[in-house]
Each structure stands twice: as C-alpha cells, then as structure tokens.
C-alpha cells in the first residue's frame, strides 16, 4: 500500500485489558478531556460497567453520541462491521466528523477476531487502517489474572503496547515480577506505567503496530532462560539466523504452520533475509491471516539476518525452529 493510500485511511486502535484494569477510566478521559483530537470511541457492551452513564444518559436510545470535546461515543450492541459502516457513511455525508477510532473490547475477549475484521472485510479494510492493539494490565491483580484466566494472557500476547495501571498501589517488587512475566509472554510490546488512566494520548495513538514496515522491536531484556519455558500457556519465542531463506520453502512451511496452529498463533512478526533479494522482507500475522511486504534495502554496513517472533498458546517451539531451519537456503 502506498503511503498516500495509507494516509487516507482512518486509523483504528483496539483497546483491551482484563476486567477492572482501567480501560474504561482511560476511555472516559479520552471522551471528556480537551486533547484536540476528534476520536470516535466504539464500546462493546457486554454487561461490564460501561462508559460513564452520565455521558450517555442524555439519549439512551441513540447509539452514537457526540461529546462536548468533539469526540463521538458509540455503544455497540450489534455487529462491529455494521457500526464501522454506519460511522463511515455518517462521516462521508458530513453528519459526523472524526479523525480516528478507538474500539474497546470486553474484558473477557480475545482481541484477535476484532483485529481480523480489518483484514477480512474489504469494505472495512478500504476505509480503516488498524494501528495497534493496546492492552491495559492491572499491576496489582495482573499476576493472579494471568494465573486464572487464559484470556488475560491472550490479551497480553496480542499487544503492540502494554499499559500497566495501578502502579501507585502496587509494591515495586510485585511490579518487577509482573513486568518480567509480561515480557516472557510478549517480548515485542513496550510496557508503560500509567496512573488512574492518565496515559498520555500519544501512548495510545499512532503506534503503527500493524504497519508491516514499522520497526520490529524485541525487548533486549527478553528472558530466554529455560526455567520459565513451561509456566505459561501463552508464551513467545524468537528465531534468528544469518543465513538467507529459500522463499518457496519458507512459504510452504508457514502456510502449513498456519493451517495447523493458526487458532493458537496470536501474533507473529519478523524481518526476513531472503535469498536473491537485496531488500529485507517484513512479515506479520494474526491467527490465520498473514501478510508480507518488501522493505528497504539492506544497508552496506548491515549484516543481513532474519529475526522472527511468535506469540501463541502452547506452541511447539522445537517444531517451529527446526522447520524454519530447514527453510534456509
């Protein structure tokens, strides 16, 4: 996609996090604070405490309410594709004005299907551009939630950025322990502390987590020691090689892996060194949807190499690593 085409799309952020982590506090702030951005917030309503009822009381039957700071709030009781279409039509006709969209998923949801909407539905993909998945984690209860609820780990695995809330009421040693665990689950998402939903708007918007050419960051402190290998259903591993890939072999292998493990692959992303190409290839995927793109040329001072990170549920690391090694030219 050319840069100009990308610029015309309305960027979308998916905000997720376990029950009580502080997503709604953050959203209420976005909907009421004078930040000068026109944002449409779509809230999935599944019986959680929703956006402040005071904000919506003025017309309970209306699904779309304009706030006094220019933001728009929609509560979705129906289908996400339909509400995105409604917003698009109202924006095109000049009835509504907004520059971007934030979707809050319910606290028990795997954000995967929401993210996939932006790849699978052509009308949605033509108008909107998925920017990032932001996950809010409660520092005080996060470890317990990760122990007890697989959804909490999946939300972390999906994140392009993690916001750690309630740090003011959590002892520092507990925060450190949780942070190490979050990095084991997802080594590619920077972790930012936030107080009472006081995240800087810049920490939430324009992350470019789903942009194929955005830099692939893997936390340098990523713990690779084996003692932690078996304590999480959702975990991550990294494949690195300085040898080039054979493109046919790699394509066959990845297609097969996605057929078998697609449902358990939450996010995967990489920079690839391909035989016969002077450019790096960037690839990434969500569940069964995968994309690849030619990136920039390898720099003269750079030693071409591949770096791939896989995040998912109970993935057979050895099968992946051996398979990828067999795809090297």
Protein backbone atom coordinates (compact mmCIF):
# COMPACT_ATOMS: atom_id res chain seq x y z
CA UNK A 1 0.00 0.00 0.00
CA UNK A 2 1.43 3.38 -0.90
CA UNK A 3 1.95 5.97 1.79
CA UNK A 4 -0.67 8.26 0.27
CA UNK A 5 -3.24 5.47 0.27
CA UNK A 6 -2.39 4.70 3.88
CA UNK A 7 -2.81 8.36 4.82
CA UNK A 8 -6.39 8.43 3.56
CA UNK A 9 -7.43 5.61 5.85
CA UNK A 10 -8.96 6.33 9.25
CA UNK A 11 -6.63 4.83 11.88
CA UNK A 12 -8.13 2.43 14.43
CA UNK A 13 -6.79 1.46 17.87
CA UNK A 14 -8.08 -1.63 19.68
CA UNK A 15 -8.05 -1.17 23.46
CA UNK A 16 -8.18 -4.34 25.50
CA UNK A 17 -7.40 -5.46 29.02
CA UNK A 18 -8.84 -7.64 31.74
CA UNK A 19 -11.91 -6.69 33.79
CA UNK A 20 -11.13 -3.82 36.15
CA UNK A 21 -7.74 -2.99 34.61
CA UNK A 22 -8.76 0.60 33.91
CA UNK A 23 -9.77 0.62 30.22
CA UNK A 24 -12.99 2.48 30.96
CA UNK A 25 -11.21 5.10 33.09
CA UNK A 26 -8.87 5.71 30.16
CA UNK A 27 -11.75 5.90 27.68
CA UNK A 28 -13.77 8.28 29.83
CA UNK A 29 -10.73 10.53 29.89
CA UNK A 30 -10.36 10.39 26.12
CA UNK A 31 -14.07 11.21 25.72
CA UNK A 32 -14.04 14.22 28.06
CA UNK A 33 -10.52 15.69 28.08
CA UNK A 34 -9.61 18.62 25.84
CA UNK A 35 -6.91 16.89 23.78
CA UNK A 36 -7.90 18.49 20.49
CA UNK A 37 -8.40 15.17 18.67
CA UNK A 38 -11.70 14.08 17.18
CA UNK A 39 -11.97 10.44 18.17
CA UNK A 40 -14.87 8.02 17.70
CA UNK A 41 -14.92 5.52 20.56
CA UNK A 42 -16.75 2.26 19.95
CA UNK A 43 -17.61 0.43 23.12
CA UNK A 44 -18.52 -3.24 23.09
CA UNK A 45 -21.19 -3.52 25.73
CA UNK A 46 -21.38 -6.88 27.44
CA UNK A 47 -22.71 -6.08 30.86
CA UNK A 48 -19.47 -4.57 32.20
CA UNK A 49 -19.60 -1.17 33.81
CA UNK A 50 -19.60 0.86 30.62
CA UNK A 51 -18.64 4.36 29.65
CA UNK A 52 -19.90 6.71 32.39
CA UNK A 53 -23.66 6.54 32.17
CA UNK A 54 -23.83 10.29 32.79
CA UNK A 55 -22.15 10.79 29.44
CA UNK A 56 -24.82 8.78 27.70
CA UNK A 57 -27.94 9.48 29.73
CA UNK A 58 -28.99 12.36 27.53
CA UNK A 59 -30.15 9.92 24.85
CA UNK A 60 -30.15 6.33 25.93
CA UNK A 61 -31.73 5.01 22.72
CA UNK A 62 -29.17 6.67 20.49
CA UNK A 63 -26.19 4.50 19.64
CA UNK A 64 -23.96 7.40 18.64
CA UNK A 65 -23.49 10.39 20.95
CA UNK A 66 -21.33 13.44 20.28
CA UNK A 67 -19.29 14.69 23.27
CA UNK A 68 -18.56 18.31 24.08
CA UNK A 69 -14.86 17.89 23.21
CA UNK A 70 -15.72 16.77 19.67
CA UNK A 71 -15.33 13.06 20.38
CA UNK A 72 -18.05 10.58 19.50
CA UNK A 73 -19.17 7.64 21.62
CA UNK A 74 -20.93 4.59 20.18
CA UNK A 75 -22.16 1.66 22.20
CA UNK A 76 -22.25 -1.47 20.08
CA UNK A 77 -24.93 -3.98 20.82
CA UNK A 78 -24.74 -5.39 17.33
CA UNK A 79 -22.14 -6.13 14.77
CA UNK A 80 -18.82 -4.29 14.63
CA UNK A 81 -18.72 -4.32 10.82
CA UNK A 82 -22.16 -2.69 10.74
CA UNK A 83 -21.23 0.08 13.22
CA UNK A 84 -17.97 0.81 11.35
CA UNK A 85 -20.06 1.09 8.17
CA UNK A 86 -22.53 3.45 9.90
CA UNK A 87 -19.69 5.67 11.11
CA UNK A 88 -18.13 5.71 7.64
CA UNK A 89 -21.44 6.70 5.99
CA UNK A 90 -22.10 9.46 8.54
CA UNK A 91 -18.55 10.77 8.13
CA UNK A 92 -18.82 10.77 4.32
CA UNK A 93 -22.14 12.61 4.41
CA UNK A 94 -20.69 15.23 6.79
CA UNK A 95 -23.10 14.27 9.58
CA UNK A 96 -20.18 13.30 11.85
CA UNK A 97 -16.57 14.41 11.96
CA UNK A 98 -13.79 12.27 13.45
CA UNK A 99 -10.14 11.59 12.66
CA UNK A 100 -9.67 8.19 14.23
CA UNK A 101 -11.42 5.34 16.02
CA UNK A 102 -10.76 3.54 19.31
CA UNK A 103 -12.55 0.22 19.90
CA UNK A 104 -12.83 -1.09 23.44
CA UNK A 105 -13.20 -4.86 23.61
CA UNK A 106 -14.90 -6.57 26.51
CA UNK A 107 -12.60 -7.62 29.36
CA UNK A 108 -13.05 -11.31 28.58
CA UNK A 109 -12.43 -11.10 24.85
CA UNK A 110 -9.56 -12.32 22.72
CA UNK A 111 -8.90 -9.22 20.55
CA UNK A 112 -7.97 -11.47 17.59
CA UNK A 113 -11.35 -11.56 15.85
CA UNK A 114 -11.69 -7.77 16.20
CA UNK A 115 -8.22 -7.32 14.64
CA UNK A 116 -9.07 -9.77 11.86
CA UNK A 117 -12.10 -7.68 10.87
CA UNK A 118 -9.65 -5.15 9.40
CA UNK A 119 -8.07 -7.74 7.12
CA UNK A 120 -11.06 -9.86 6.17
CA UNK A 121 -13.80 -7.37 5.36
CA UNK A 122 -12.92 -5.46 2.19
CA UNK A 123 -15.21 -2.50 2.88
CA UNK A 124 -13.69 -2.06 6.32
CA UNK A 125 -10.13 -2.51 5.02
CA UNK A 126 -10.69 0.05 2.26
CA UNK A 127 -11.68 2.78 4.70
CA UNK A 128 -9.96 1.98 8.00
CA UNK A 129 -6.38 1.11 8.93
CA UNK A 130 -5.62 -0.92 12.05
CA UNK A 131 -2.97 0.98 14.01
CA UNK A 132 -2.37 -1.10 17.13
CA UNK A 133 -3.68 -3.27 19.93
CA UNK A 134 -3.14 -1.62 23.34
CA UNK A 135 -3.57 -3.82 26.41
CA UNK A 136 -4.12 -2.41 29.91
CA UNK A 137 -2.80 -4.67 32.70
CA UNK A 138 -3.64 -4.14 36.36
CA UNK A 139 -0.29 -4.19 38.23
CA UNK A 140 -1.94 -5.22 41.49
CA UNK A 141 -4.02 -8.16 40.21
CA UNK A 142 -2.23 -8.93 36.94
CA UNK A 143 -0.26 -11.96 38.14
CA UNK A 144 -3.36 -13.57 39.62
CA UNK A 145 -5.39 -12.85 36.48
CA UNK A 146 -2.67 -14.40 34.31
CA UNK A 147 -2.75 -17.50 36.55
CA UNK A 148 -6.51 -17.87 36.49
CA UNK A 149 -7.72 -16.63 33.10
CA UNK A 150 -6.32 -17.64 29.73
CA UNK A 151 -7.95 -14.53 28.20
CA UNK A 152 -5.67 -12.28 30.25
CA UNK A 153 -2.59 -13.92 28.74
CA UNK A 154 -4.06 -13.78 25.23
CA UNK A 155 -4.66 -10.04 25.57
CA UNK A 156 -1.02 -9.59 26.58
CA UNK A 157 0.14 -11.79 23.70
CA UNK A 158 -1.77 -9.62 21.23
CA UNK A 159 -0.47 -6.27 22.45
CA UNK A 160 1.61 -3.81 20.46
CA UNK A 161 1.92 -1.82 23.67
CA UNK A 162 1.11 -2.67 27.29
CA UNK A 163 -0.07 -0.01 29.76
CA UNK A 164 0.47 -1.10 33.37
CA UNK A 165 -2.18 0.51 35.63
CA UNK A 166 -2.50 0.80 39.43
CA UNK A 167 1.25 1.13 39.94
CA UNK A 168 0.64 3.63 42.75
CA UNK A 169 -0.94 0.87 44.89
CA UNK A 170 1.44 -1.97 43.94
CA UNK A 171 4.79 -2.65 45.66
CA UNK A 172 7.76 -2.27 43.33
CA UNK A 173 8.95 -5.89 43.65
CA UNK A 174 5.50 -7.10 42.51
CA UNK A 175 5.63 -4.71 39.55
CA UNK A 176 9.06 -6.02 38.53
CA UNK A 177 7.90 -9.64 38.76
CA UNK A 178 4.82 -8.89 36.65
CA UNK A 179 6.85 -6.96 34.10
CA UNK A 180 9.26 -9.88 33.64
CA UNK A 181 6.32 -12.20 33.14
CA UNK A 182 4.70 -9.88 30.59
CA UNK A 183 7.99 -9.75 28.67
CA UNK A 184 8.17 -13.55 28.57
CA UNK A 185 4.66 -13.71 27.14
CA UNK A 186 5.24 -10.86 24.67
CA UNK A 187 8.80 -9.60 24.10
CA UNK A 188 7.80 -7.16 21.36
CA UNK A 189 5.42 -4.87 23.28
CA UNK A 190 6.92 -1.94 25.21
CA UNK A 191 5.46 -1.68 28.74
CA UNK A 192 4.48 1.77 30.03
CA UNK A 193 3.32 2.53 33.57
CA UNK A 194 0.13 4.63 33.88
CA UNK A 195 -1.71 6.13 36.86
CA UNK A 196 -5.52 6.19 37.07
CA UNK A 197 -5.88 6.02 33.30
CA UNK A 198 -3.58 9.06 32.96
CA UNK A 199 -1.92 7.67 29.88
CA UNK A 200 -0.61 10.31 27.54
CA UNK A 201 -2.81 10.22 24.44
CA UNK A 202 0.46 9.77 22.50
CA UNK A 203 0.99 6.44 24.29
CA UNK A 204 -2.23 5.14 22.77
CA UNK A 205 -2.31 6.56 19.24
CA UNK A 206 -0.11 6.16 16.14
CA UNK A 207 1.85 3.17 17.43
CA UNK A 208 1.94 1.64 13.91
CA UNK A 209 1.95 -1.83 15.42
CA UNK A 210 0.25 -3.30 12.37
CA UNK A 211 2.33 -1.43 9.84
CA UNK A 212 4.47 -4.03 8.10
CA UNK A 213 7.34 -1.60 7.70
CA UNK A 214 7.32 -0.33 11.26
CA UNK A 215 10.49 -1.31 13.07
CA UNK A 216 10.39 -4.77 14.61
CA UNK A 217 11.31 -4.28 18.23
CA UNK A 218 12.05 -7.19 20.51
CA UNK A 219 12.78 -6.22 24.09
CA UNK A 220 16.55 -6.61 24.59
CA UNK A 221 15.86 -7.84 28.12
CA UNK A 222 13.77 -10.68 26.71
CA UNK A 223 14.41 -13.56 29.08
CA UNK A 224 15.48 -16.65 27.19
CA UNK A 225 16.36 -18.80 30.19
CA UNK A 226 14.69 -22.22 30.13
CA UNK A 227 13.39 -22.18 33.68
CA UNK A 228 10.39 -20.16 32.52
CA UNK A 229 9.57 -22.20 29.47
CA UNK A 230 6.69 -24.22 30.84
CA UNK A 231 4.75 -21.98 33.17
CA UNK A 232 2.58 -20.12 30.65
CA UNK A 233 0.08 -21.41 28.12
CA UNK A 234 0.68 -18.19 26.17
CA UNK A 235 4.37 -17.65 25.53
CA UNK A 236 6.77 -16.43 22.89
CA UNK A 237 9.99 -17.43 21.23
CA UNK A 238 12.33 -15.82 18.74
CA UNK A 239 14.02 -17.37 15.70
CA UNK A 240 17.22 -15.76 14.43
CA UNK A 241 19.51 -16.69 11.56
CA UNK A 242 22.22 -15.04 9.46
CA UNK A 243 21.58 -17.48 6.58
CA UNK A 244 19.06 -16.48 3.89
CA UNK A 245 15.67 -18.19 3.50
CA UNK A 246 14.61 -20.08 0.38
CA UNK A 247 11.34 -18.27 -0.41
CA UNK A 248 9.43 -21.30 -1.76
CA UNK A 249 10.36 -23.50 1.20
CA UNK A 250 9.50 -20.77 3.69
CA UNK A 251 6.14 -20.06 2.09
CA UNK A 252 5.21 -23.76 2.16
CA UNK A 253 6.30 -24.14 5.77
CA UNK A 254 4.49 -21.03 7.03
CA UNK A 255 1.30 -21.96 5.16
CA UNK A 256 1.34 -25.38 6.78
CA UNK A 257 2.05 -24.00 10.25
CA UNK A 258 -0.82 -21.53 9.93
CA UNK A 259 -3.23 -24.27 8.83
CA UNK A 260 -2.33 -26.39 11.86
CA UNK A 261 -1.65 -23.80 14.58
CA UNK A 262 -3.44 -20.68 13.27
CA UNK A 263 -6.01 -20.56 16.04
CA UNK A 264 -3.26 -20.70 18.67
CA UNK A 265 -0.94 -18.22 16.97
CA UNK A 266 -1.88 -14.86 18.45
CA UNK A 267 0.70 -12.61 16.79
CA UNK A 268 3.80 -13.30 14.74
CA UNK A 269 6.10 -10.83 13.13
CA UNK A 270 9.55 -10.72 11.58
CA UNK A 271 12.22 -9.23 9.40
CA UNK A 272 13.44 -11.79 6.86
CA UNK A 273 16.65 -12.19 4.87
CA UNK A 274 15.61 -13.77 1.56
CA UNK A 275 17.98 -15.41 -0.89
CA UNK A 276 18.50 -13.37 -4.05
CA UNK A 277 17.00 -10.16 -2.68
CA UNK A 278 18.87 -7.01 -1.68
CA UNK A 279 15.85 -5.89 0.38
CA UNK A 280 14.61 -7.09 3.71
CA UNK A 281 11.16 -8.68 3.80
CA UNK A 282 8.78 -7.79 6.61
CA UNK A 283 6.04 -10.20 7.58
CA UNK A 284 3.39 -10.44 10.28
CA UNK A 285 0.14 -12.11 11.07
CA UNK A 286 -2.81 -12.58 13.40
CA UNK A 287 -4.18 -16.12 13.78
CA UNK A 288 -4.64 -17.34 10.17
CA UNK A 289 -4.16 -14.02 8.41
CA UNK A 290 -0.60 -13.38 7.25
CA UNK A 291 0.95 -10.61 5.18
CA UNK A 292 4.44 -9.93 3.81
CA UNK A 293 5.99 -6.90 2.18
CA UNK A 294 9.32 -5.93 0.68
CA UNK A 295 11.01 -3.42 2.95
CA UNK A 296 14.01 -1.17 2.48
CA UNK A 297 17.38 -2.23 1.06
CA UNK A 298 19.89 -3.79 3.41
CA UNK A 299 22.37 -1.10 4.41
CA UNK A 300 26.02 -1.52 3.36
CA UNK A 301 27.14 -1.74 7.00
CA UNK A 302 24.38 -4.22 7.92
CA UNK A 303 24.84 -7.96 8.07
CA UNK A 304 21.60 -9.32 6.60
CA UNK A 305 19.80 -11.62 9.03
CA UNK A 306 16.34 -12.86 9.93
CA UNK A 307 14.55 -12.24 13.21
CA UNK A 308 11.06 -13.64 13.82
CA UNK A 309 8.94 -13.64 16.96
CA UNK A 310 5.98 -15.98 17.52
CA UNK A 311 3.47 -15.45 20.33
CA UNK A 312 0.78 -18.03 20.98
CA UNK A 313 -0.85 -20.74 23.05
CA UNK A 314 1.07 -23.96 23.72
CA UNK A 315 3.11 -23.65 20.53
CA UNK A 316 5.61 -26.45 19.82
CA UNK A 317 8.72 -24.28 19.77
CA UNK A 318 11.05 -27.07 18.55
CA UNK A 319 8.79 -27.89 15.59
CA UNK A 320 8.82 -24.23 14.53
CA UNK A 321 12.57 -23.72 14.99
CA UNK A 322 13.55 -26.94 13.19
CA UNK A 323 11.08 -26.26 10.41
CA UNK A 324 12.41 -22.75 9.88
CA UNK A 325 15.99 -24.02 9.84
CA UNK A 326 15.05 -26.42 7.06
CA UNK A 327 13.78 -23.46 5.01
CA UNK A 328 17.21 -21.80 4.97
CA UNK A 329 18.92 -21.81 1.57
